[in-house]
Amino acid sequence: MVALLLGILLAGVPHVDQSSAKAGLVPVVTHMKVMGPNNWGKSEETIRLIQEANERGTFAAADQYPYLASQTGLTAIVPPWVQNGGREAMLERFADPELRPQIEEEIHEIIRSRVQDANDVYFPTERKTLQDIADERSVSPGEATMQILEDDGNLRTIYFFGHQEDFERILKNPTTAIASDGGATESDSTHPRRYGTQPRVLGKLVREDGLLSLEEAVMKMTGLPANIIGMVIVDL
């Protein structure tokens, strides 16, 4: 049985492996990444925690997607308390003249926690960044965020969050599998990871960048995931 620890930056594996060992679970950090400039370099610690857990005899692993960007909605940079109660409640808080400056500043804080700045927040349907739109409207990125949500809704948004050294360190760890987290769809709006993960690994990471051998890449996309969920036993 696999325990999926979603969206964890610092895995805390010493605590995880003690609890999981008692429960008979395999701790897996899924979508393992280091998000935001203030955290760049911390993959050394996250990888070390996983390695130490394995050295203690608890099999711990991770999975990673082969992109330094994530795709979700614009509300990802809006504080959760602002969104509580749904869209109408959120818009009511935006309209409150006492709350709006506070929300604006908290949006700026969340942006800084995820990416370098608003230039790294991109709207593929508009082909513009959040900073582009803020400049066009002569407002701050936080104010632009609220205006977009008021006028256009929760636009599909790409966040360029990562650092190449962290990405490579996580990728090359022997217990890191490669995952797409997407299934088949007929939607016109398709997440790049849905069909692009494996081709990107083989074409870019193996052939162009030489970060993995072909054999390593195939193992990370087949045998290792099977090993993690207990389908097969692979000597790593």
Protein backbone atom coordinates (compact mmCIF):
# COMPACT_ATOMS: atom_id res chain seq x y z
CA MET A 1 0.00 0.00 0.00
CA VAL A 2 1.31 3.44 -0.88
CA ALA A 3 0.95 6.58 1.18
CA LEU A 4 0.90 9.56 -1.20
CA LEU A 5 2.12 12.72 0.49
CA LEU A 6 0.77 15.39 -1.83
CA GLY A 7 2.57 18.65 -2.49
CA ILE A 8 5.26 18.22 0.18
CA LEU A 9 8.38 20.34 -0.06
CA LEU A 10 10.30 19.05 2.92
CA ALA A 11 9.28 15.46 3.21
CA GLY A 12 9.90 14.99 6.92
CA VAL A 13 10.75 11.40 6.10
CA PRO A 14 12.10 10.47 9.58
CA HIS A 15 8.61 11.02 10.99
CA VAL A 16 6.92 9.56 7.92
CA ASP A 17 8.91 6.36 7.84
CA GLN A 18 8.35 5.70 11.57
CA SER A 19 4.60 6.08 11.18
CA SER A 20 4.43 4.26 7.88
CA ALA A 21 6.54 1.36 9.11
CA LYS A 22 4.02 0.77 11.90
CA ALA A 23 1.14 0.98 9.43
CA GLY A 24 2.82 -1.14 6.76
CA LEU A 25 2.87 1.71 4.25
CA VAL A 26 5.44 2.92 1.74
CA PRO A 27 5.99 6.70 2.05
CA VAL A 28 6.05 8.34 -1.38
CA VAL A 29 6.53 12.05 -1.96
CA THR A 30 4.56 12.65 -5.13
CA HIS A 31 5.17 15.62 -7.45
CA MET A 32 8.39 16.19 -5.58
CA LYS A 33 9.69 19.66 -6.31
CA VAL A 34 11.29 22.71 -4.73
CA MET A 35 9.00 25.67 -5.32
CA GLY A 36 10.00 29.31 -5.01
CA PRO A 37 13.39 31.11 -4.94
CA ASN A 38 13.57 31.09 -1.14
CA ASN A 39 13.59 27.29 -1.21
CA TRP A 40 15.94 26.66 -4.13
CA GLY A 41 18.71 24.31 -3.10
CA LYS A 42 16.64 22.50 -0.48
CA SER A 43 16.43 19.42 -2.68
CA GLU A 44 19.70 18.43 -1.01
CA GLU A 45 17.77 18.09 2.23
CA THR A 46 14.71 16.38 0.78
CA ILE A 47 16.83 13.81 -1.05
CA ARG A 48 18.94 13.24 2.05
CA LEU A 49 15.83 12.53 4.12
CA ILE A 50 14.64 9.92 1.63
CA GLN A 51 18.09 8.32 1.46
CA GLU A 52 18.35 8.18 5.24
CA ALA A 53 14.95 6.51 5.49
CA ASN A 54 16.07 3.84 3.04
CA GLU A 55 19.31 3.35 4.95
CA ARG A 56 17.24 2.72 8.08
CA GLY A 57 15.40 -0.03 6.22
CA THR A 58 12.19 1.80 5.26
CA PHE A 59 11.70 1.96 1.51
CA ALA A 60 10.83 5.60 0.74
CA ALA A 61 10.48 6.99 -2.76
CA ALA A 62 9.28 9.96 -4.79
CA ASP A 63 7.85 10.76 -8.18
CA GLN A 64 8.52 13.81 -10.34
CA TYR A 65 7.15 15.33 -13.52
CA PRO A 66 9.75 16.55 -16.05
CA TYR A 67 8.83 20.24 -16.09
CA LEU A 68 9.92 23.31 -14.13
CA ALA A 69 6.39 24.67 -14.36
CA SER A 70 2.98 23.76 -13.01
CA GLN A 71 -0.43 24.45 -14.50
CA THR A 72 -3.51 25.23 -12.48
CA GLY A 73 -5.82 28.23 -12.05
CA LEU A 74 -5.21 31.85 -11.08
CA THR A 75 -6.87 31.27 -7.72
CA ALA A 76 -3.75 29.32 -6.69
CA ILE A 77 -2.24 32.68 -5.67
CA VAL A 78 -5.34 33.89 -3.82
CA PRO A 79 -5.29 33.25 -0.03
CA PRO A 80 -7.53 30.33 0.98
CA TRP A 81 -9.47 32.43 3.48
CA VAL A 82 -10.45 34.79 0.64
CA GLN A 83 -11.86 31.86 -1.38
CA ASN A 84 -13.75 30.34 1.54
CA GLY A 85 -17.41 30.01 0.63
CA GLY A 86 -16.95 29.97 -3.14
CA ARG A 87 -16.61 32.48 -5.96
CA GLU A 88 -19.38 34.86 -4.87
CA ALA A 89 -17.97 35.10 -1.36
CA MET A 90 -14.51 35.73 -2.82
CA LEU A 91 -15.82 38.55 -5.02
CA GLU A 92 -17.58 40.09 -2.06
CA ARG A 93 -14.28 40.19 -0.19
CA PHE A 94 -12.58 41.75 -3.23
CA ALA A 95 -15.26 44.47 -3.19
CA ASP A 96 -14.65 45.30 0.47
CA PRO A 97 -12.48 48.48 0.46
CA GLU A 98 -10.97 47.53 3.79
CA LEU A 99 -10.06 43.99 2.75
CA ARG A 100 -8.86 44.66 -0.80
CA PRO A 101 -5.43 46.15 0.12
CA GLN A 102 -4.80 43.25 2.52
CA ILE A 103 -5.73 40.70 -0.15
CA GLU A 104 -3.49 42.49 -2.65
CA GLU A 105 -0.49 42.21 -0.34
CA GLU A 106 -1.19 38.58 0.53
CA ILE A 107 -1.37 37.74 -3.17
CA HIS A 108 2.08 39.31 -3.56
CA GLU A 109 3.37 37.14 -0.71
CA ILE A 110 2.00 33.97 -2.34
CA ILE A 111 3.50 34.93 -5.70
CA ARG A 112 6.92 35.32 -4.04
CA SER A 113 6.51 31.93 -2.37
CA ARG A 114 5.83 30.17 -5.69
CA VAL A 115 7.87 32.00 -8.35
CA GLN A 116 10.41 34.79 -8.69
CA ASP A 117 7.86 37.42 -9.70
CA ALA A 118 4.72 38.06 -11.73
CA ASN A 119 6.67 37.54 -14.98
CA ASP A 120 6.64 33.83 -14.10
CA VAL A 121 2.83 33.70 -13.92
CA TYR A 122 1.65 33.04 -17.49
CA PHE A 123 -1.80 32.81 -19.07
CA PRO A 124 -1.59 30.54 -22.14
CA THR A 125 -5.00 31.57 -23.45
CA GLU A 126 -3.99 35.24 -23.33
CA ARG A 127 -0.32 34.69 -24.22
CA LYS A 128 0.57 37.19 -21.54
CA THR A 129 2.09 37.14 -18.08
CA LEU A 130 0.47 38.55 -14.98
CA GLN A 131 3.10 41.29 -15.06
CA ASP A 132 2.15 42.14 -18.66
CA ILE A 133 -1.48 42.62 -17.65
CA ALA A 134 -0.55 44.57 -14.52
CA ASP A 135 1.59 46.93 -16.62
CA GLU A 136 -1.18 47.38 -19.19
CA ARG A 137 -3.60 48.37 -16.44
CA SER A 138 -1.05 50.38 -14.41
CA VAL A 139 -1.78 48.38 -11.28
CA SER A 140 0.12 45.95 -9.08
CA PRO A 141 0.13 42.19 -9.83
CA GLY A 142 -2.08 41.62 -6.80
CA GLU A 143 -4.64 44.14 -7.97
CA ALA A 144 -4.43 42.73 -11.51
CA THR A 145 -5.14 39.26 -10.12
CA MET A 146 -8.35 40.44 -8.50
CA GLN A 147 -9.43 42.35 -11.61
CA ILE A 148 -8.85 39.31 -13.83
CA LEU A 149 -10.83 37.08 -11.49
CA GLU A 150 -13.64 39.63 -11.39
CA ASP A 151 -13.75 40.13 -15.17
CA ASP A 152 -12.63 36.83 -16.69
CA GLY A 153 -12.82 34.21 -13.96
CA ASN A 154 -10.24 31.65 -12.94
CA LEU A 155 -7.99 31.67 -16.01
CA ARG A 156 -5.77 28.68 -16.73
CA THR A 157 -2.36 29.65 -15.37
CA ILE A 158 1.19 28.33 -15.71
CA TYR A 159 3.63 28.99 -12.86
CA PHE A 160 7.35 28.77 -13.69
CA PHE A 161 8.50 27.85 -10.21
CA GLY A 162 11.65 25.77 -10.30
CA HIS A 163 15.42 25.71 -10.47
CA GLN A 164 17.35 23.39 -12.76
CA GLU A 165 19.81 22.14 -10.13
CA ASP A 166 17.00 21.03 -7.83
CA PHE A 167 15.20 19.41 -10.73
CA GLU A 168 18.26 17.40 -11.75
CA ARG A 169 19.11 16.37 -8.20
CA ILE A 170 15.62 14.98 -7.63
CA LEU A 171 15.53 13.34 -11.07
CA LYS A 172 18.81 11.48 -10.62
CA ASN A 173 18.02 10.04 -7.21
CA PRO A 174 17.61 6.25 -7.68
CA THR A 175 14.24 6.12 -5.93
CA THR A 176 12.63 8.95 -7.94
CA ALA A 177 10.09 7.70 -10.48
CA ILE A 178 8.73 9.77 -13.36
CA ALA A 179 4.99 10.38 -13.38
CA SER A 180 2.53 12.25 -15.59
CA ASP A 181 -0.59 12.32 -13.31
CA GLY A 182 -2.83 12.52 -16.37
CA GLY A 183 -5.18 10.09 -18.04
CA ALA A 184 -6.95 10.04 -21.40
CA THR A 185 -9.24 12.92 -22.23
CA GLU A 186 -11.33 14.35 -25.06
CA SER A 187 -11.08 17.89 -23.71
CA ASP A 188 -9.74 20.67 -25.92
CA SER A 189 -7.89 21.99 -22.86
CA THR A 190 -5.22 19.40 -22.20
CA HIS A 191 -2.52 19.57 -19.57
CA PRO A 192 0.94 19.16 -21.19
CA ARG A 193 1.85 16.43 -18.71
CA ARG A 194 -1.04 14.29 -19.88
CA TYR A 195 0.68 13.23 -23.10
CA GLY A 196 4.00 15.05 -22.99
CA THR A 197 5.75 13.50 -20.00
CA GLN A 198 7.29 10.37 -21.50
CA PRO A 199 8.19 11.96 -24.87
CA ARG A 200 9.83 14.85 -23.05
CA VAL A 201 11.86 12.50 -20.89
CA LEU A 202 13.11 10.45 -23.82
CA GLY A 203 13.56 13.32 -26.25
CA LYS A 204 14.90 16.09 -24.03
CA LEU A 205 16.23 14.65 -20.78
CA VAL A 206 17.84 11.58 -22.38
CA ARG A 207 18.71 12.46 -25.99
CA GLU A 208 19.26 16.23 -25.81
CA ASP A 209 20.40 16.93 -22.25
CA GLY A 210 21.99 13.58 -21.32
CA LEU A 211 20.67 13.75 -17.78
CA LEU A 212 19.68 10.07 -17.81
CA SER A 213 20.67 7.07 -19.86
CA LEU A 214 17.92 5.45 -21.90
CA GLU A 215 17.96 2.49 -19.52
CA GLU A 216 17.61 4.73 -16.45
CA ALA A 217 14.73 6.63 -18.01
CA VAL A 218 12.84 3.48 -18.96
CA MET A 219 13.32 2.09 -15.45
CA LYS A 220 12.01 5.31 -13.87
CA MET A 221 8.90 5.19 -16.06
CA THR A 222 8.14 1.46 -15.77
CA GLY A 223 9.90 -0.83 -13.32
CA LEU A 224 10.34 1.68 -10.51
CA PRO A 225 6.68 2.77 -10.39
CA ALA A 226 5.67 -0.89 -10.45
CA ASN A 227 8.09 -1.52 -7.61
CA ILE A 228 6.70 1.37 -5.56
CA ILE A 229 3.14 0.03 -5.69
CA GLY A 230 4.28 -3.55 -5.05
CA MET A 231 3.63 -5.07 -8.49
CA VAL A 232 7.23 -6.25 -8.87
CA ILE A 233 10.40 -6.25 -6.84
CA VAL A 234 13.32 -4.45 -8.50
CA ASP A 235 16.88 -4.33 -7.19
CA LEU A 236 17.72 -0.61 -7.12
